[in-house]
Amino acid sequence: MTIEINEADIQVEFYRGSGPGGQHRNTTDSAVRIRHLPSGIVVHASENRSQLRNREVALQRLREALERRNRTVKKRIATKVSKGQKEKRLSEKKMVALRKKLRRPEE
């Protein structure tokens, strides 16, 4: 399920990206910041030297953020521990206790 993003709901800003990339990156406004006005989510992308690619990456990140926000978490259904598992745990505890008892010096 992909979420459709309405162009009227977003505000796109371009700014000068920092970091490695050389003269081309330092002289062009290739970084993109997208604000989704109804939800207040802000995403940005500045990895590429291309403004177009950064815009596509930022839009993808916005879609993912909106999907995460709309996702409903299923409630966990509590289950009982089976009788066999209880017995197995108890027998392991008894074995550990016996091992520890045998380690102690005799009085």
N, C-alpha and C. Protein backbone atom coordinates (compact mmCIF):
# COMPACT_ATOMS: atom_id res chain seq x y z
N MET A 1 0.84 -1.18 0.00
CA MET A 1 0.00 0.00 0.00
C MET A 1 0.88 1.24 0.00
N THR A 2 0.86 2.00 -1.07
CA THR A 2 1.63 3.23 -1.13
C THR A 2 0.72 4.41 -0.85
N ILE A 3 1.23 5.32 -0.09
CA ILE A 3 0.46 6.50 0.29
C ILE A 3 0.65 7.58 -0.77
N GLU A 4 -0.46 8.15 -1.22
CA GLU A 4 -0.39 9.25 -2.17
C GLU A 4 -0.18 10.55 -1.41
N ILE A 5 0.80 11.33 -1.85
CA ILE A 5 1.10 12.60 -1.19
C ILE A 5 0.61 13.72 -2.09
N ASN A 6 -0.27 14.55 -1.56
CA ASN A 6 -0.82 15.67 -2.30
C ASN A 6 0.20 16.80 -2.32
N GLU A 7 0.46 17.38 -3.50
CA GLU A 7 1.45 18.46 -3.64
C GLU A 7 1.08 19.67 -2.78
N ALA A 8 -0.22 19.89 -2.55
CA ALA A 8 -0.64 21.04 -1.75
C ALA A 8 -0.34 20.83 -0.26
N ASP A 9 -0.13 19.58 0.15
CA ASP A 9 0.11 19.27 1.55
C ASP A 9 1.58 19.35 1.93
N ILE A 10 2.48 19.54 0.96
CA ILE A 10 3.90 19.55 1.28
C ILE A 10 4.52 20.90 0.95
N GLN A 11 5.57 21.23 1.68
CA GLN A 11 6.35 22.44 1.43
C GLN A 11 7.78 21.97 1.16
N VAL A 12 8.31 22.28 -0.01
CA VAL A 12 9.63 21.82 -0.42
C VAL A 12 10.60 22.99 -0.31
N GLU A 13 11.74 22.76 0.36
CA GLU A 13 12.78 23.78 0.48
C GLU A 13 14.08 23.20 -0.06
N PHE A 14 14.84 24.04 -0.72
CA PHE A 14 16.16 23.63 -1.22
C PHE A 14 17.21 24.45 -0.49
N TYR A 15 18.28 23.80 -0.10
CA TYR A 15 19.36 24.51 0.59
C TYR A 15 20.69 23.90 0.21
N ARG A 16 21.74 24.58 0.57
CA ARG A 16 23.08 24.14 0.20
C ARG A 16 23.53 23.03 1.14
N GLY A 17 23.82 21.89 0.57
CA GLY A 17 24.26 20.75 1.38
C GLY A 17 25.69 20.94 1.83
N SER A 18 26.03 20.36 2.97
CA SER A 18 27.40 20.46 3.47
C SER A 18 28.05 19.09 3.40
N GLY A 19 29.32 19.05 3.68
CA GLY A 19 30.04 17.79 3.70
C GLY A 19 30.81 17.57 2.41
N PRO A 20 31.30 16.33 2.19
CA PRO A 20 32.11 16.05 1.02
C PRO A 20 31.30 16.15 -0.27
N GLY A 21 31.96 16.40 -1.36
CA GLY A 21 31.28 16.48 -2.64
C GLY A 21 31.94 17.47 -3.56
N GLY A 22 32.85 18.27 -3.05
CA GLY A 22 33.61 19.16 -3.90
C GLY A 22 32.90 20.45 -4.22
N GLN A 23 33.48 21.14 -5.21
CA GLN A 23 33.02 22.48 -5.55
C GLN A 23 31.57 22.47 -6.05
N HIS A 24 31.19 21.46 -6.80
CA HIS A 24 29.83 21.43 -7.35
C HIS A 24 28.80 21.42 -6.23
N ARG A 25 29.04 20.62 -5.21
CA ARG A 25 28.09 20.52 -4.10
C ARG A 25 28.07 21.79 -3.27
N ASN A 26 29.21 22.45 -3.15
CA ASN A 26 29.30 23.64 -2.31
C ASN A 26 28.70 24.87 -2.97
N THR A 27 28.46 24.83 -4.28
CA THR A 27 27.95 26.01 -4.97
C THR A 27 26.49 25.88 -5.40
N THR A 28 25.90 24.71 -5.25
CA THR A 28 24.50 24.54 -5.69
C THR A 28 23.62 24.17 -4.50
N ASP A 29 22.37 24.59 -4.58
CA ASP A 29 21.39 24.25 -3.54
C ASP A 29 20.77 22.90 -3.89
N SER A 30 21.49 21.82 -3.59
CA SER A 30 21.03 20.49 -4.01
C SER A 30 20.35 19.72 -2.88
N ALA A 31 20.48 20.15 -1.64
CA ALA A 31 19.82 19.45 -0.53
C ALA A 31 18.34 19.81 -0.51
N VAL A 32 17.49 18.86 -0.10
CA VAL A 32 16.04 19.05 -0.14
C VAL A 32 15.46 18.76 1.24
N ARG A 33 14.58 19.64 1.69
CA ARG A 33 13.85 19.44 2.93
C ARG A 33 12.37 19.50 2.58
N ILE A 34 11.62 18.49 2.98
CA ILE A 34 10.19 18.44 2.69
C ILE A 34 9.43 18.40 4.01
N ARG A 35 8.48 19.32 4.13
CA ARG A 35 7.60 19.36 5.32
C ARG A 35 6.21 18.92 4.89
N HIS A 36 5.66 17.96 5.62
CA HIS A 36 4.28 17.52 5.38
C HIS A 36 3.42 18.31 6.35
N LEU A 37 2.69 19.28 5.83
CA LEU A 37 1.98 20.24 6.68
C LEU A 37 0.90 19.62 7.56
N PRO A 38 0.06 18.68 7.07
CA PRO A 38 -0.97 18.12 7.95
C PRO A 38 -0.41 17.35 9.15
N SER A 39 0.69 16.63 8.96
CA SER A 39 1.22 15.81 10.06
C SER A 39 2.39 16.46 10.77
N GLY A 40 3.05 17.43 10.14
CA GLY A 40 4.20 18.07 10.76
C GLY A 40 5.50 17.30 10.60
N ILE A 41 5.50 16.25 9.79
CA ILE A 41 6.70 15.45 9.59
C ILE A 41 7.65 16.20 8.66
N VAL A 42 8.93 16.23 9.03
CA VAL A 42 9.95 16.87 8.20
C VAL A 42 11.00 15.83 7.84
N VAL A 43 11.31 15.71 6.55
CA VAL A 43 12.36 14.80 6.08
C VAL A 43 13.31 15.60 5.21
N HIS A 44 14.55 15.14 5.14
CA HIS A 44 15.51 15.82 4.27
C HIS A 44 16.44 14.80 3.63
N ALA A 45 17.03 15.21 2.51
CA ALA A 45 17.98 14.37 1.79
C ALA A 45 19.05 15.27 1.21
N SER A 46 20.30 14.89 1.44
CA SER A 46 21.41 15.68 0.89
C SER A 46 22.56 14.78 0.47
N GLU A 47 22.27 13.50 0.22
CA GLU A 47 23.33 12.54 -0.09
C GLU A 47 23.90 12.74 -1.49
N ASN A 48 23.02 13.08 -2.45
CA ASN A 48 23.43 13.18 -3.84
C ASN A 48 23.74 14.62 -4.22
N ARG A 49 24.50 14.79 -5.31
CA ARG A 49 24.79 16.13 -5.81
C ARG A 49 23.64 16.64 -6.64
N SER A 50 22.72 15.75 -7.01
CA SER A 50 21.59 16.13 -7.85
C SER A 50 20.38 16.48 -6.98
N GLN A 51 19.81 17.66 -7.24
CA GLN A 51 18.63 18.10 -6.50
C GLN A 51 17.45 17.19 -6.80
N LEU A 52 17.32 16.74 -8.03
CA LEU A 52 16.21 15.88 -8.44
C LEU A 52 16.25 14.55 -7.70
N ARG A 53 17.44 13.93 -7.63
CA ARG A 53 17.57 12.66 -6.91
C ARG A 53 17.31 12.85 -5.41
N ASN A 54 17.80 13.95 -4.85
CA ASN A 54 17.55 14.22 -3.43
C ASN A 54 16.07 14.42 -3.15
N ARG A 55 15.36 15.04 -4.10
CA ARG A 55 13.91 15.23 -3.93
C ARG A 55 13.19 13.88 -3.93
N GLU A 56 13.58 12.99 -4.85
CA GLU A 56 12.97 11.67 -4.91
C GLU A 56 13.23 10.88 -3.63
N VAL A 57 14.47 10.96 -3.11
CA VAL A 57 14.82 10.26 -1.88
C VAL A 57 14.00 10.81 -0.71
N ALA A 58 13.87 12.14 -0.64
CA ALA A 58 13.12 12.76 0.45
C ALA A 58 11.64 12.38 0.38
N LEU A 59 11.07 12.35 -0.83
CA LEU A 59 9.66 11.94 -0.97
C LEU A 59 9.46 10.49 -0.54
N GLN A 60 10.43 9.63 -0.88
CA GLN A 60 10.34 8.23 -0.46
C GLN A 60 10.39 8.13 1.07
N ARG A 61 11.28 8.91 1.69
CA ARG A 61 11.38 8.91 3.15
C ARG A 61 10.09 9.42 3.79
N LEU A 62 9.47 10.41 3.16
CA LEU A 62 8.21 10.94 3.69
C LEU A 62 7.12 9.88 3.61
N ARG A 63 7.06 9.14 2.47
CA ARG A 63 6.08 8.06 2.35
C ARG A 63 6.27 7.02 3.45
N GLU A 64 7.53 6.63 3.68
CA GLU A 64 7.84 5.63 4.71
C GLU A 64 7.44 6.14 6.09
N ALA A 65 7.71 7.41 6.36
CA ALA A 65 7.36 7.98 7.67
C ALA A 65 5.85 8.01 7.86
N LEU A 66 5.11 8.36 6.81
CA LEU A 66 3.65 8.38 6.91
C LEU A 66 3.09 6.98 7.08
N GLU A 67 3.68 5.99 6.40
CA GLU A 67 3.24 4.61 6.57
C GLU A 67 3.51 4.12 7.98
N ARG A 68 4.69 4.46 8.53
CA ARG A 68 4.99 4.07 9.91
C ARG A 68 4.01 4.69 10.89
N ARG A 69 3.63 5.94 10.61
CA ARG A 69 2.71 6.65 11.49
C ARG A 69 1.31 6.04 11.45
N ASN A 70 0.89 5.58 10.27
CA ASN A 70 -0.46 5.04 10.11
C ASN A 70 -0.57 3.57 10.46
N ARG A 71 0.57 2.91 10.67
CA ARG A 71 0.57 1.48 10.95
C ARG A 71 -0.01 1.24 12.35
N THR A 72 -0.88 0.26 12.45
CA THR A 72 -1.43 -0.11 13.75
C THR A 72 -0.73 -1.36 14.24
N VAL A 73 -0.32 -1.34 15.48
CA VAL A 73 0.38 -2.47 16.06
C VAL A 73 -0.64 -3.46 16.59
N LYS A 74 -0.48 -4.72 16.20
CA LYS A 74 -1.40 -5.75 16.67
C LYS A 74 -1.17 -6.00 18.15
N LYS A 75 -2.26 -6.18 18.88
CA LYS A 75 -2.16 -6.45 20.30
C LYS A 75 -1.69 -7.89 20.50
N ARG A 76 -0.78 -8.07 21.43
CA ARG A 76 -0.23 -9.39 21.69
C ARG A 76 -1.25 -10.24 22.43
N ILE A 77 -1.38 -11.47 22.01
CA ILE A 77 -2.29 -12.40 22.67
C ILE A 77 -1.47 -13.24 23.64
N ALA A 78 -1.77 -13.13 24.91
CA ALA A 78 -1.02 -13.87 25.92
C ALA A 78 -1.36 -15.35 25.82
N THR A 79 -0.35 -16.19 25.93
CA THR A 79 -0.56 -17.63 25.89
C THR A 79 -0.02 -18.25 27.16
N LYS A 80 -0.51 -19.43 27.48
CA LYS A 80 -0.04 -20.15 28.68
C LYS A 80 1.16 -21.00 28.33
N VAL A 81 2.02 -21.19 29.33
CA VAL A 81 3.17 -22.07 29.16
C VAL A 81 2.65 -23.50 29.26
N SER A 82 3.09 -24.34 28.34
CA SER A 82 2.60 -25.72 28.34
C SER A 82 3.17 -26.49 29.53
N LYS A 83 2.50 -27.58 29.87
CA LYS A 83 2.90 -28.40 31.01
C LYS A 83 4.29 -28.99 30.80
N GLY A 84 4.57 -29.42 29.58
CA GLY A 84 5.87 -29.99 29.26
C GLY A 84 6.99 -28.97 29.44
N GLN A 85 6.74 -27.73 29.02
CA GLN A 85 7.75 -26.67 29.17
C GLN A 85 8.01 -26.36 30.64
N LYS A 86 6.94 -26.32 31.45
CA LYS A 86 7.11 -26.07 32.89
C LYS A 86 7.98 -27.14 33.51
N GLU A 87 7.69 -28.40 33.18
CA GLU A 87 8.46 -29.51 33.74
C GLU A 87 9.92 -29.44 33.29
N LYS A 88 10.15 -29.08 32.04
CA LYS A 88 11.51 -28.98 31.51
C LYS A 88 12.28 -27.89 32.25
N ARG A 89 11.65 -26.73 32.46
CA ARG A 89 12.31 -25.64 33.19
C ARG A 89 12.66 -26.05 34.61
N LEU A 90 11.72 -26.72 35.27
CA LEU A 90 11.96 -27.14 36.65
C LEU A 90 13.09 -28.17 36.72
N SER A 91 13.14 -29.09 35.76
CA SER A 91 14.20 -30.09 35.79
C SER A 91 15.56 -29.44 35.53
N GLU A 92 15.61 -28.43 34.67
CA GLU A 92 16.86 -27.72 34.43
C GLU A 92 17.31 -26.98 35.68
N LYS A 93 16.35 -26.36 36.37
CA LYS A 93 16.69 -25.65 37.61
C LYS A 93 17.23 -26.61 38.67
N LYS A 94 16.62 -27.79 38.73
CA LYS A 94 17.08 -28.79 39.70
C LYS A 94 18.49 -29.26 39.38
N MET A 95 18.80 -29.42 38.08
CA MET A 95 20.14 -29.83 37.67
C MET A 95 21.18 -28.78 38.02
N VAL A 96 20.85 -27.51 37.81
CA VAL A 96 21.78 -26.42 38.15
C VAL A 96 21.99 -26.38 39.66
N ALA A 97 20.92 -26.54 40.42
CA ALA A 97 21.03 -26.53 41.88
C ALA A 97 21.91 -27.68 42.35
N LEU A 98 21.75 -28.86 41.77
CA LEU A 98 22.56 -30.02 42.14
C LEU A 98 24.03 -29.78 41.81
N ARG A 99 24.31 -29.21 40.64
CA ARG A 99 25.68 -28.90 40.24
C ARG A 99 26.33 -27.93 41.24
N LYS A 100 25.57 -26.91 41.63
CA LYS A 100 26.09 -25.93 42.59
C LYS A 100 26.33 -26.59 43.95
N LYS A 101 25.43 -27.46 44.33
CA LYS A 101 25.56 -28.15 45.62
C LYS A 101 26.82 -29.02 45.65
N LEU A 102 27.13 -29.67 44.53
CA LEU A 102 28.30 -30.51 44.44
C LEU A 102 29.61 -29.70 44.44
N ARG A 103 29.54 -28.45 44.06
CA ARG A 103 30.73 -27.59 44.04
C ARG A 103 31.16 -27.18 45.45
N ARG A 104 30.19 -27.11 46.36
CA ARG A 104 30.48 -26.65 47.72
C ARG A 104 31.34 -27.67 48.47
N PRO A 105 32.26 -27.15 49.28
CA PRO A 105 33.06 -28.08 50.08
C PRO A 105 32.21 -28.72 51.18
N GLU A 106 32.56 -29.91 51.54
CA GLU A 106 31.81 -30.61 52.58
C GLU A 106 32.18 -30.05 53.94
N GLU A 107 31.21 -30.00 54.82
CA GLU A 107 31.46 -29.47 56.17
C GLU A 107 31.67 -30.56 57.17
